[in-house]
């Protein structure tokens, strides 16, 4: 497999468009999640996957808006790819359960 691999996926729900761009390296994956046409870096989180020697962990790097979903997405990427994972989340509605669910669906569709 040649690295880095990259791609994007989009979904439109209730008149709103959500996109994830991802870049996968040999030892890490980056996911940039955003809403609308503007491609912006948002709240950034970092996660490490669970290994036989360590527990999974995540932390917020920068930002505060939508911090919970940024950490959840980083943890999800780390678990799915079994690599260090970074997530950046730029969305307009803060702590919106429906938006969070859509972003998680996008994250789960990566690598398929």
C-alpha atoms as a PDB file:
ATOM      1  CA  UNK A   1       0.000   0.000   0.000  1.00  0.00           C
ATOM      2  CA  UNK A   2       1.417   3.388  -0.983  1.00  0.00           C
ATOM      3  CA  UNK A   3       1.274   6.194   1.551  1.00  0.00           C
ATOM      4  CA  UNK A   4       0.012   8.784   1.965  1.00  0.00           C
ATOM      5  CA  UNK A   5      -3.498   7.933   0.871  1.00  0.00           C
ATOM      6  CA  UNK A   6      -6.122  10.635   0.793  1.00  0.00           C
ATOM      7  CA  UNK A   7      -9.707  11.199  -0.144  1.00  0.00           C
ATOM      8  CA  UNK A   8     -12.951  12.826   0.857  1.00  0.00           C
ATOM      9  CA  UNK A   9     -16.565  11.989   1.431  1.00  0.00           C
ATOM     10  CA  UNK A  10     -19.589  14.266   1.605  1.00  0.00           C
ATOM     11  CA  UNK A  11     -23.175  13.920   2.672  1.00  0.00           C
ATOM     12  CA  UNK A  12     -26.066  16.346   2.499  1.00  0.00           C
ATOM     13  CA  UNK A  13     -28.776  16.271   5.157  1.00  0.00           C
ATOM     14  CA  UNK A  14     -31.582  18.732   5.795  1.00  0.00           C
ATOM     15  CA  UNK A  15     -30.097  21.184   3.301  1.00  0.00           C
ATOM     16  CA  UNK A  16     -26.677  21.172   4.988  1.00  0.00           C
ATOM     17  CA  UNK A  17     -23.544  19.677   3.442  1.00  0.00           C
ATOM     18  CA  UNK A  18     -20.907  17.931   5.578  1.00  0.00           C
ATOM     19  CA  UNK A  19     -17.525  16.823   4.258  1.00  0.00           C
ATOM     20  CA  UNK A  20     -14.515  14.970   5.575  1.00  0.00           C
ATOM     21  CA  UNK A  21     -11.116  15.115   3.930  1.00  0.00           C
ATOM     22  CA  UNK A  22      -8.675  12.540   5.185  1.00  0.00           C
ATOM     23  CA  UNK A  23      -4.986  11.856   4.755  1.00  0.00           C
ATOM     24  CA  UNK A  24      -3.610   8.505   5.863  1.00  0.00           C
ATOM     25  CA  UNK A  25       0.094   8.064   6.513  1.00  0.00           C
ATOM     26  CA  UNK A  26       1.890   4.869   7.489  1.00  0.00           C
ATOM     27  CA  UNK A  27       1.580   5.666  11.201  1.00  0.00           C
ATOM     28  CA  UNK A  28      -1.179   8.297  11.436  1.00  0.00           C
ATOM     29  CA  UNK A  29      -4.441   9.523   9.960  1.00  0.00           C
ATOM     30  CA  UNK A  30      -5.774  13.083   9.741  1.00  0.00           C
ATOM     31  CA  UNK A  31      -9.498  13.832   9.365  1.00  0.00           C
ATOM     32  CA  UNK A  32     -10.765  17.326   8.538  1.00  0.00           C
ATOM     33  CA  UNK A  33     -14.524  17.569   9.115  1.00  0.00           C
ATOM     34  CA  UNK A  34     -16.399  20.691   8.086  1.00  0.00           C
ATOM     35  CA  UNK A  35     -19.787  22.049   7.146  1.00  0.00           C
ATOM     36  CA  UNK A  36     -20.656  23.954   4.001  1.00  0.00           C
ATOM     37  CA  UNK A  37     -18.364  25.193   1.260  1.00  0.00           C
ATOM     38  CA  UNK A  38     -15.706  26.756   3.469  1.00  0.00           C
ATOM     39  CA  UNK A  39     -12.759  24.480   4.130  1.00  0.00           C
ATOM     40  CA  UNK A  40     -11.490  25.560   7.513  1.00  0.00           C
ATOM     41  CA  UNK A  41      -9.483  24.081  10.326  1.00  0.00           C
ATOM     42  CA  UNK A  42     -11.555  23.956  13.493  1.00  0.00           C
ATOM     43  CA  UNK A  43     -11.176  22.428  16.915  1.00  0.00           C
ATOM     44  CA  UNK A  44      -8.318  19.908  16.788  1.00  0.00           C
ATOM     45  CA  UNK A  45      -8.035  16.716  18.841  1.00  0.00           C
ATOM     46  CA  UNK A  46      -5.441  13.943  18.947  1.00  0.00           C
ATOM     47  CA  UNK A  47      -6.023  10.291  19.871  1.00  0.00           C
ATOM     48  CA  UNK A  48      -3.906   7.173  20.200  1.00  0.00           C
ATOM     49  CA  UNK A  49      -5.309   3.688  19.707  1.00  0.00           C
ATOM     50  CA  UNK A  50      -5.408   0.997  22.356  1.00  0.00           C
ATOM     51  CA  UNK A  51      -2.457  -1.377  22.149  1.00  0.00           C
ATOM     52  CA  UNK A  52      -1.461  -4.444  24.117  1.00  0.00           C
ATOM     53  CA  UNK A  53       0.654  -2.173  26.351  1.00  0.00           C
ATOM     54  CA  UNK A  54      -1.353   1.055  26.550  1.00  0.00           C
ATOM     55  CA  UNK A  55      -4.893   2.314  26.937  1.00  0.00           C
ATOM     56  CA  UNK A  56      -6.518   4.437  24.256  1.00  0.00           C
ATOM     57  CA  UNK A  57      -6.344   8.147  24.996  1.00  0.00           C
ATOM     58  CA  UNK A  58      -7.299  11.468  23.464  1.00  0.00           C
ATOM     59  CA  UNK A  59      -6.729  15.127  24.123  1.00  0.00           C
ATOM     60  CA  UNK A  60      -7.817  18.469  22.787  1.00  0.00           C
ATOM     61  CA  UNK A  61      -5.015  20.337  21.004  1.00  0.00           C
ATOM     62  CA  UNK A  62      -6.624  23.670  20.154  1.00  0.00           C
ATOM     63  CA  UNK A  63     -10.090  25.187  20.204  1.00  0.00           C
ATOM     64  CA  UNK A  64     -13.107  24.635  22.403  1.00  0.00           C
ATOM     65  CA  UNK A  65     -16.184  24.723  20.188  1.00  0.00           C
ATOM     66  CA  UNK A  66     -17.398  21.167  19.572  1.00  0.00           C
ATOM     67  CA  UNK A  67     -14.554  19.759  21.682  1.00  0.00           C
ATOM     68  CA  UNK A  68     -16.472  16.588  22.557  1.00  0.00           C
ATOM     69  CA  UNK A  69     -17.181  15.552  18.968  1.00  0.00           C
ATOM     70  CA  UNK A  70     -13.600  16.419  17.946  1.00  0.00           C
ATOM     71  CA  UNK A  71     -12.286  13.996  20.585  1.00  0.00           C
ATOM     72  CA  UNK A  72     -14.858  11.340  19.695  1.00  0.00           C
ATOM     73  CA  UNK A  73     -13.946  11.551  16.008  1.00  0.00           C
ATOM     74  CA  UNK A  74     -10.209  11.353  16.782  1.00  0.00           C
ATOM     75  CA  UNK A  75     -10.825   8.306  18.990  1.00  0.00           C
ATOM     76  CA  UNK A  76     -12.985   6.726  16.299  1.00  0.00           C
ATOM     77  CA  UNK A  77     -10.308   7.242  13.638  1.00  0.00           C
ATOM     78  CA  UNK A  78      -7.576   5.890  15.949  1.00  0.00           C
ATOM     79  CA  UNK A  79      -9.644   2.792  16.668  1.00  0.00           C
ATOM     80  CA  UNK A  80     -10.654   2.167  13.032  1.00  0.00           C
ATOM     81  CA  UNK A  81      -7.204   2.722  11.522  1.00  0.00           C
ATOM     82  CA  UNK A  82      -5.208   1.512  14.570  1.00  0.00           C
ATOM     83  CA  UNK A  83      -2.957   4.561  14.249  1.00  0.00           C
ATOM     84  CA  UNK A  84      -2.414   7.960  15.817  1.00  0.00           C
ATOM     85  CA  UNK A  85      -5.338  10.122  14.708  1.00  0.00           C
ATOM     86  CA  UNK A  86      -5.980  13.845  14.439  1.00  0.00           C
ATOM     87  CA  UNK A  87      -9.405  15.347  13.856  1.00  0.00           C
ATOM     88  CA  UNK A  88     -10.340  18.902  13.002  1.00  0.00           C
ATOM     89  CA  UNK A  89     -13.997  19.898  13.313  1.00  0.00           C
ATOM     90  CA  UNK A  90     -15.453  23.114  11.876  1.00  0.00           C
ATOM     91  CA  UNK A  91     -19.251  23.174  12.074  1.00  0.00           C
ATOM     92  CA  UNK A  92     -21.661  26.012  12.750  1.00  0.00           C
ATOM     93  CA  UNK A  93     -23.980  24.513  15.368  1.00  0.00           C
ATOM     94  CA  UNK A  94     -22.317  23.723  18.654  1.00  0.00           C
ATOM     95  CA  UNK A  95     -23.158  20.444  20.428  1.00  0.00           C
ATOM     96  CA  UNK A  96     -25.859  19.477  17.921  1.00  0.00           C
ATOM     97  CA  UNK A  97     -26.593  15.767  18.366  1.00  0.00           C
ATOM     98  CA  UNK A  98     -27.868  15.360  14.785  1.00  0.00           C
ATOM     99  CA  UNK A  99     -24.751  16.970  13.296  1.00  0.00           C
ATOM    100  CA  UNK A 100     -22.515  14.905  15.576  1.00  0.00           C
ATOM    101  CA  UNK A 101     -24.235  11.727  14.377  1.00  0.00           C
ATOM    102  CA  UNK A 102     -23.703  12.705  10.728  1.00  0.00           C
ATOM    103  CA  UNK A 103     -19.994  13.394  11.345  1.00  0.00           C
ATOM    104  CA  UNK A 104     -19.612  10.030  13.064  1.00  0.00           C
ATOM    105  CA  UNK A 105     -21.273   8.323  10.078  1.00  0.00           C
ATOM    106  CA  UNK A 106     -18.794  10.075   7.776  1.00  0.00           C
ATOM    107  CA  UNK A 107     -15.922   8.916   9.976  1.00  0.00           C
ATOM    108  CA  UNK A 108     -17.196   5.336   9.912  1.00  0.00           C
ATOM    109  CA  UNK A 109     -17.395   5.406   6.103  1.00  0.00           C
ATOM    110  CA  UNK A 110     -13.664   6.135   5.686  1.00  0.00           C
ATOM    111  CA  UNK A 111     -11.455   3.312   4.536  1.00  0.00           C
ATOM    112  CA  UNK A 112     -14.327   1.513   2.796  1.00  0.00           C
END
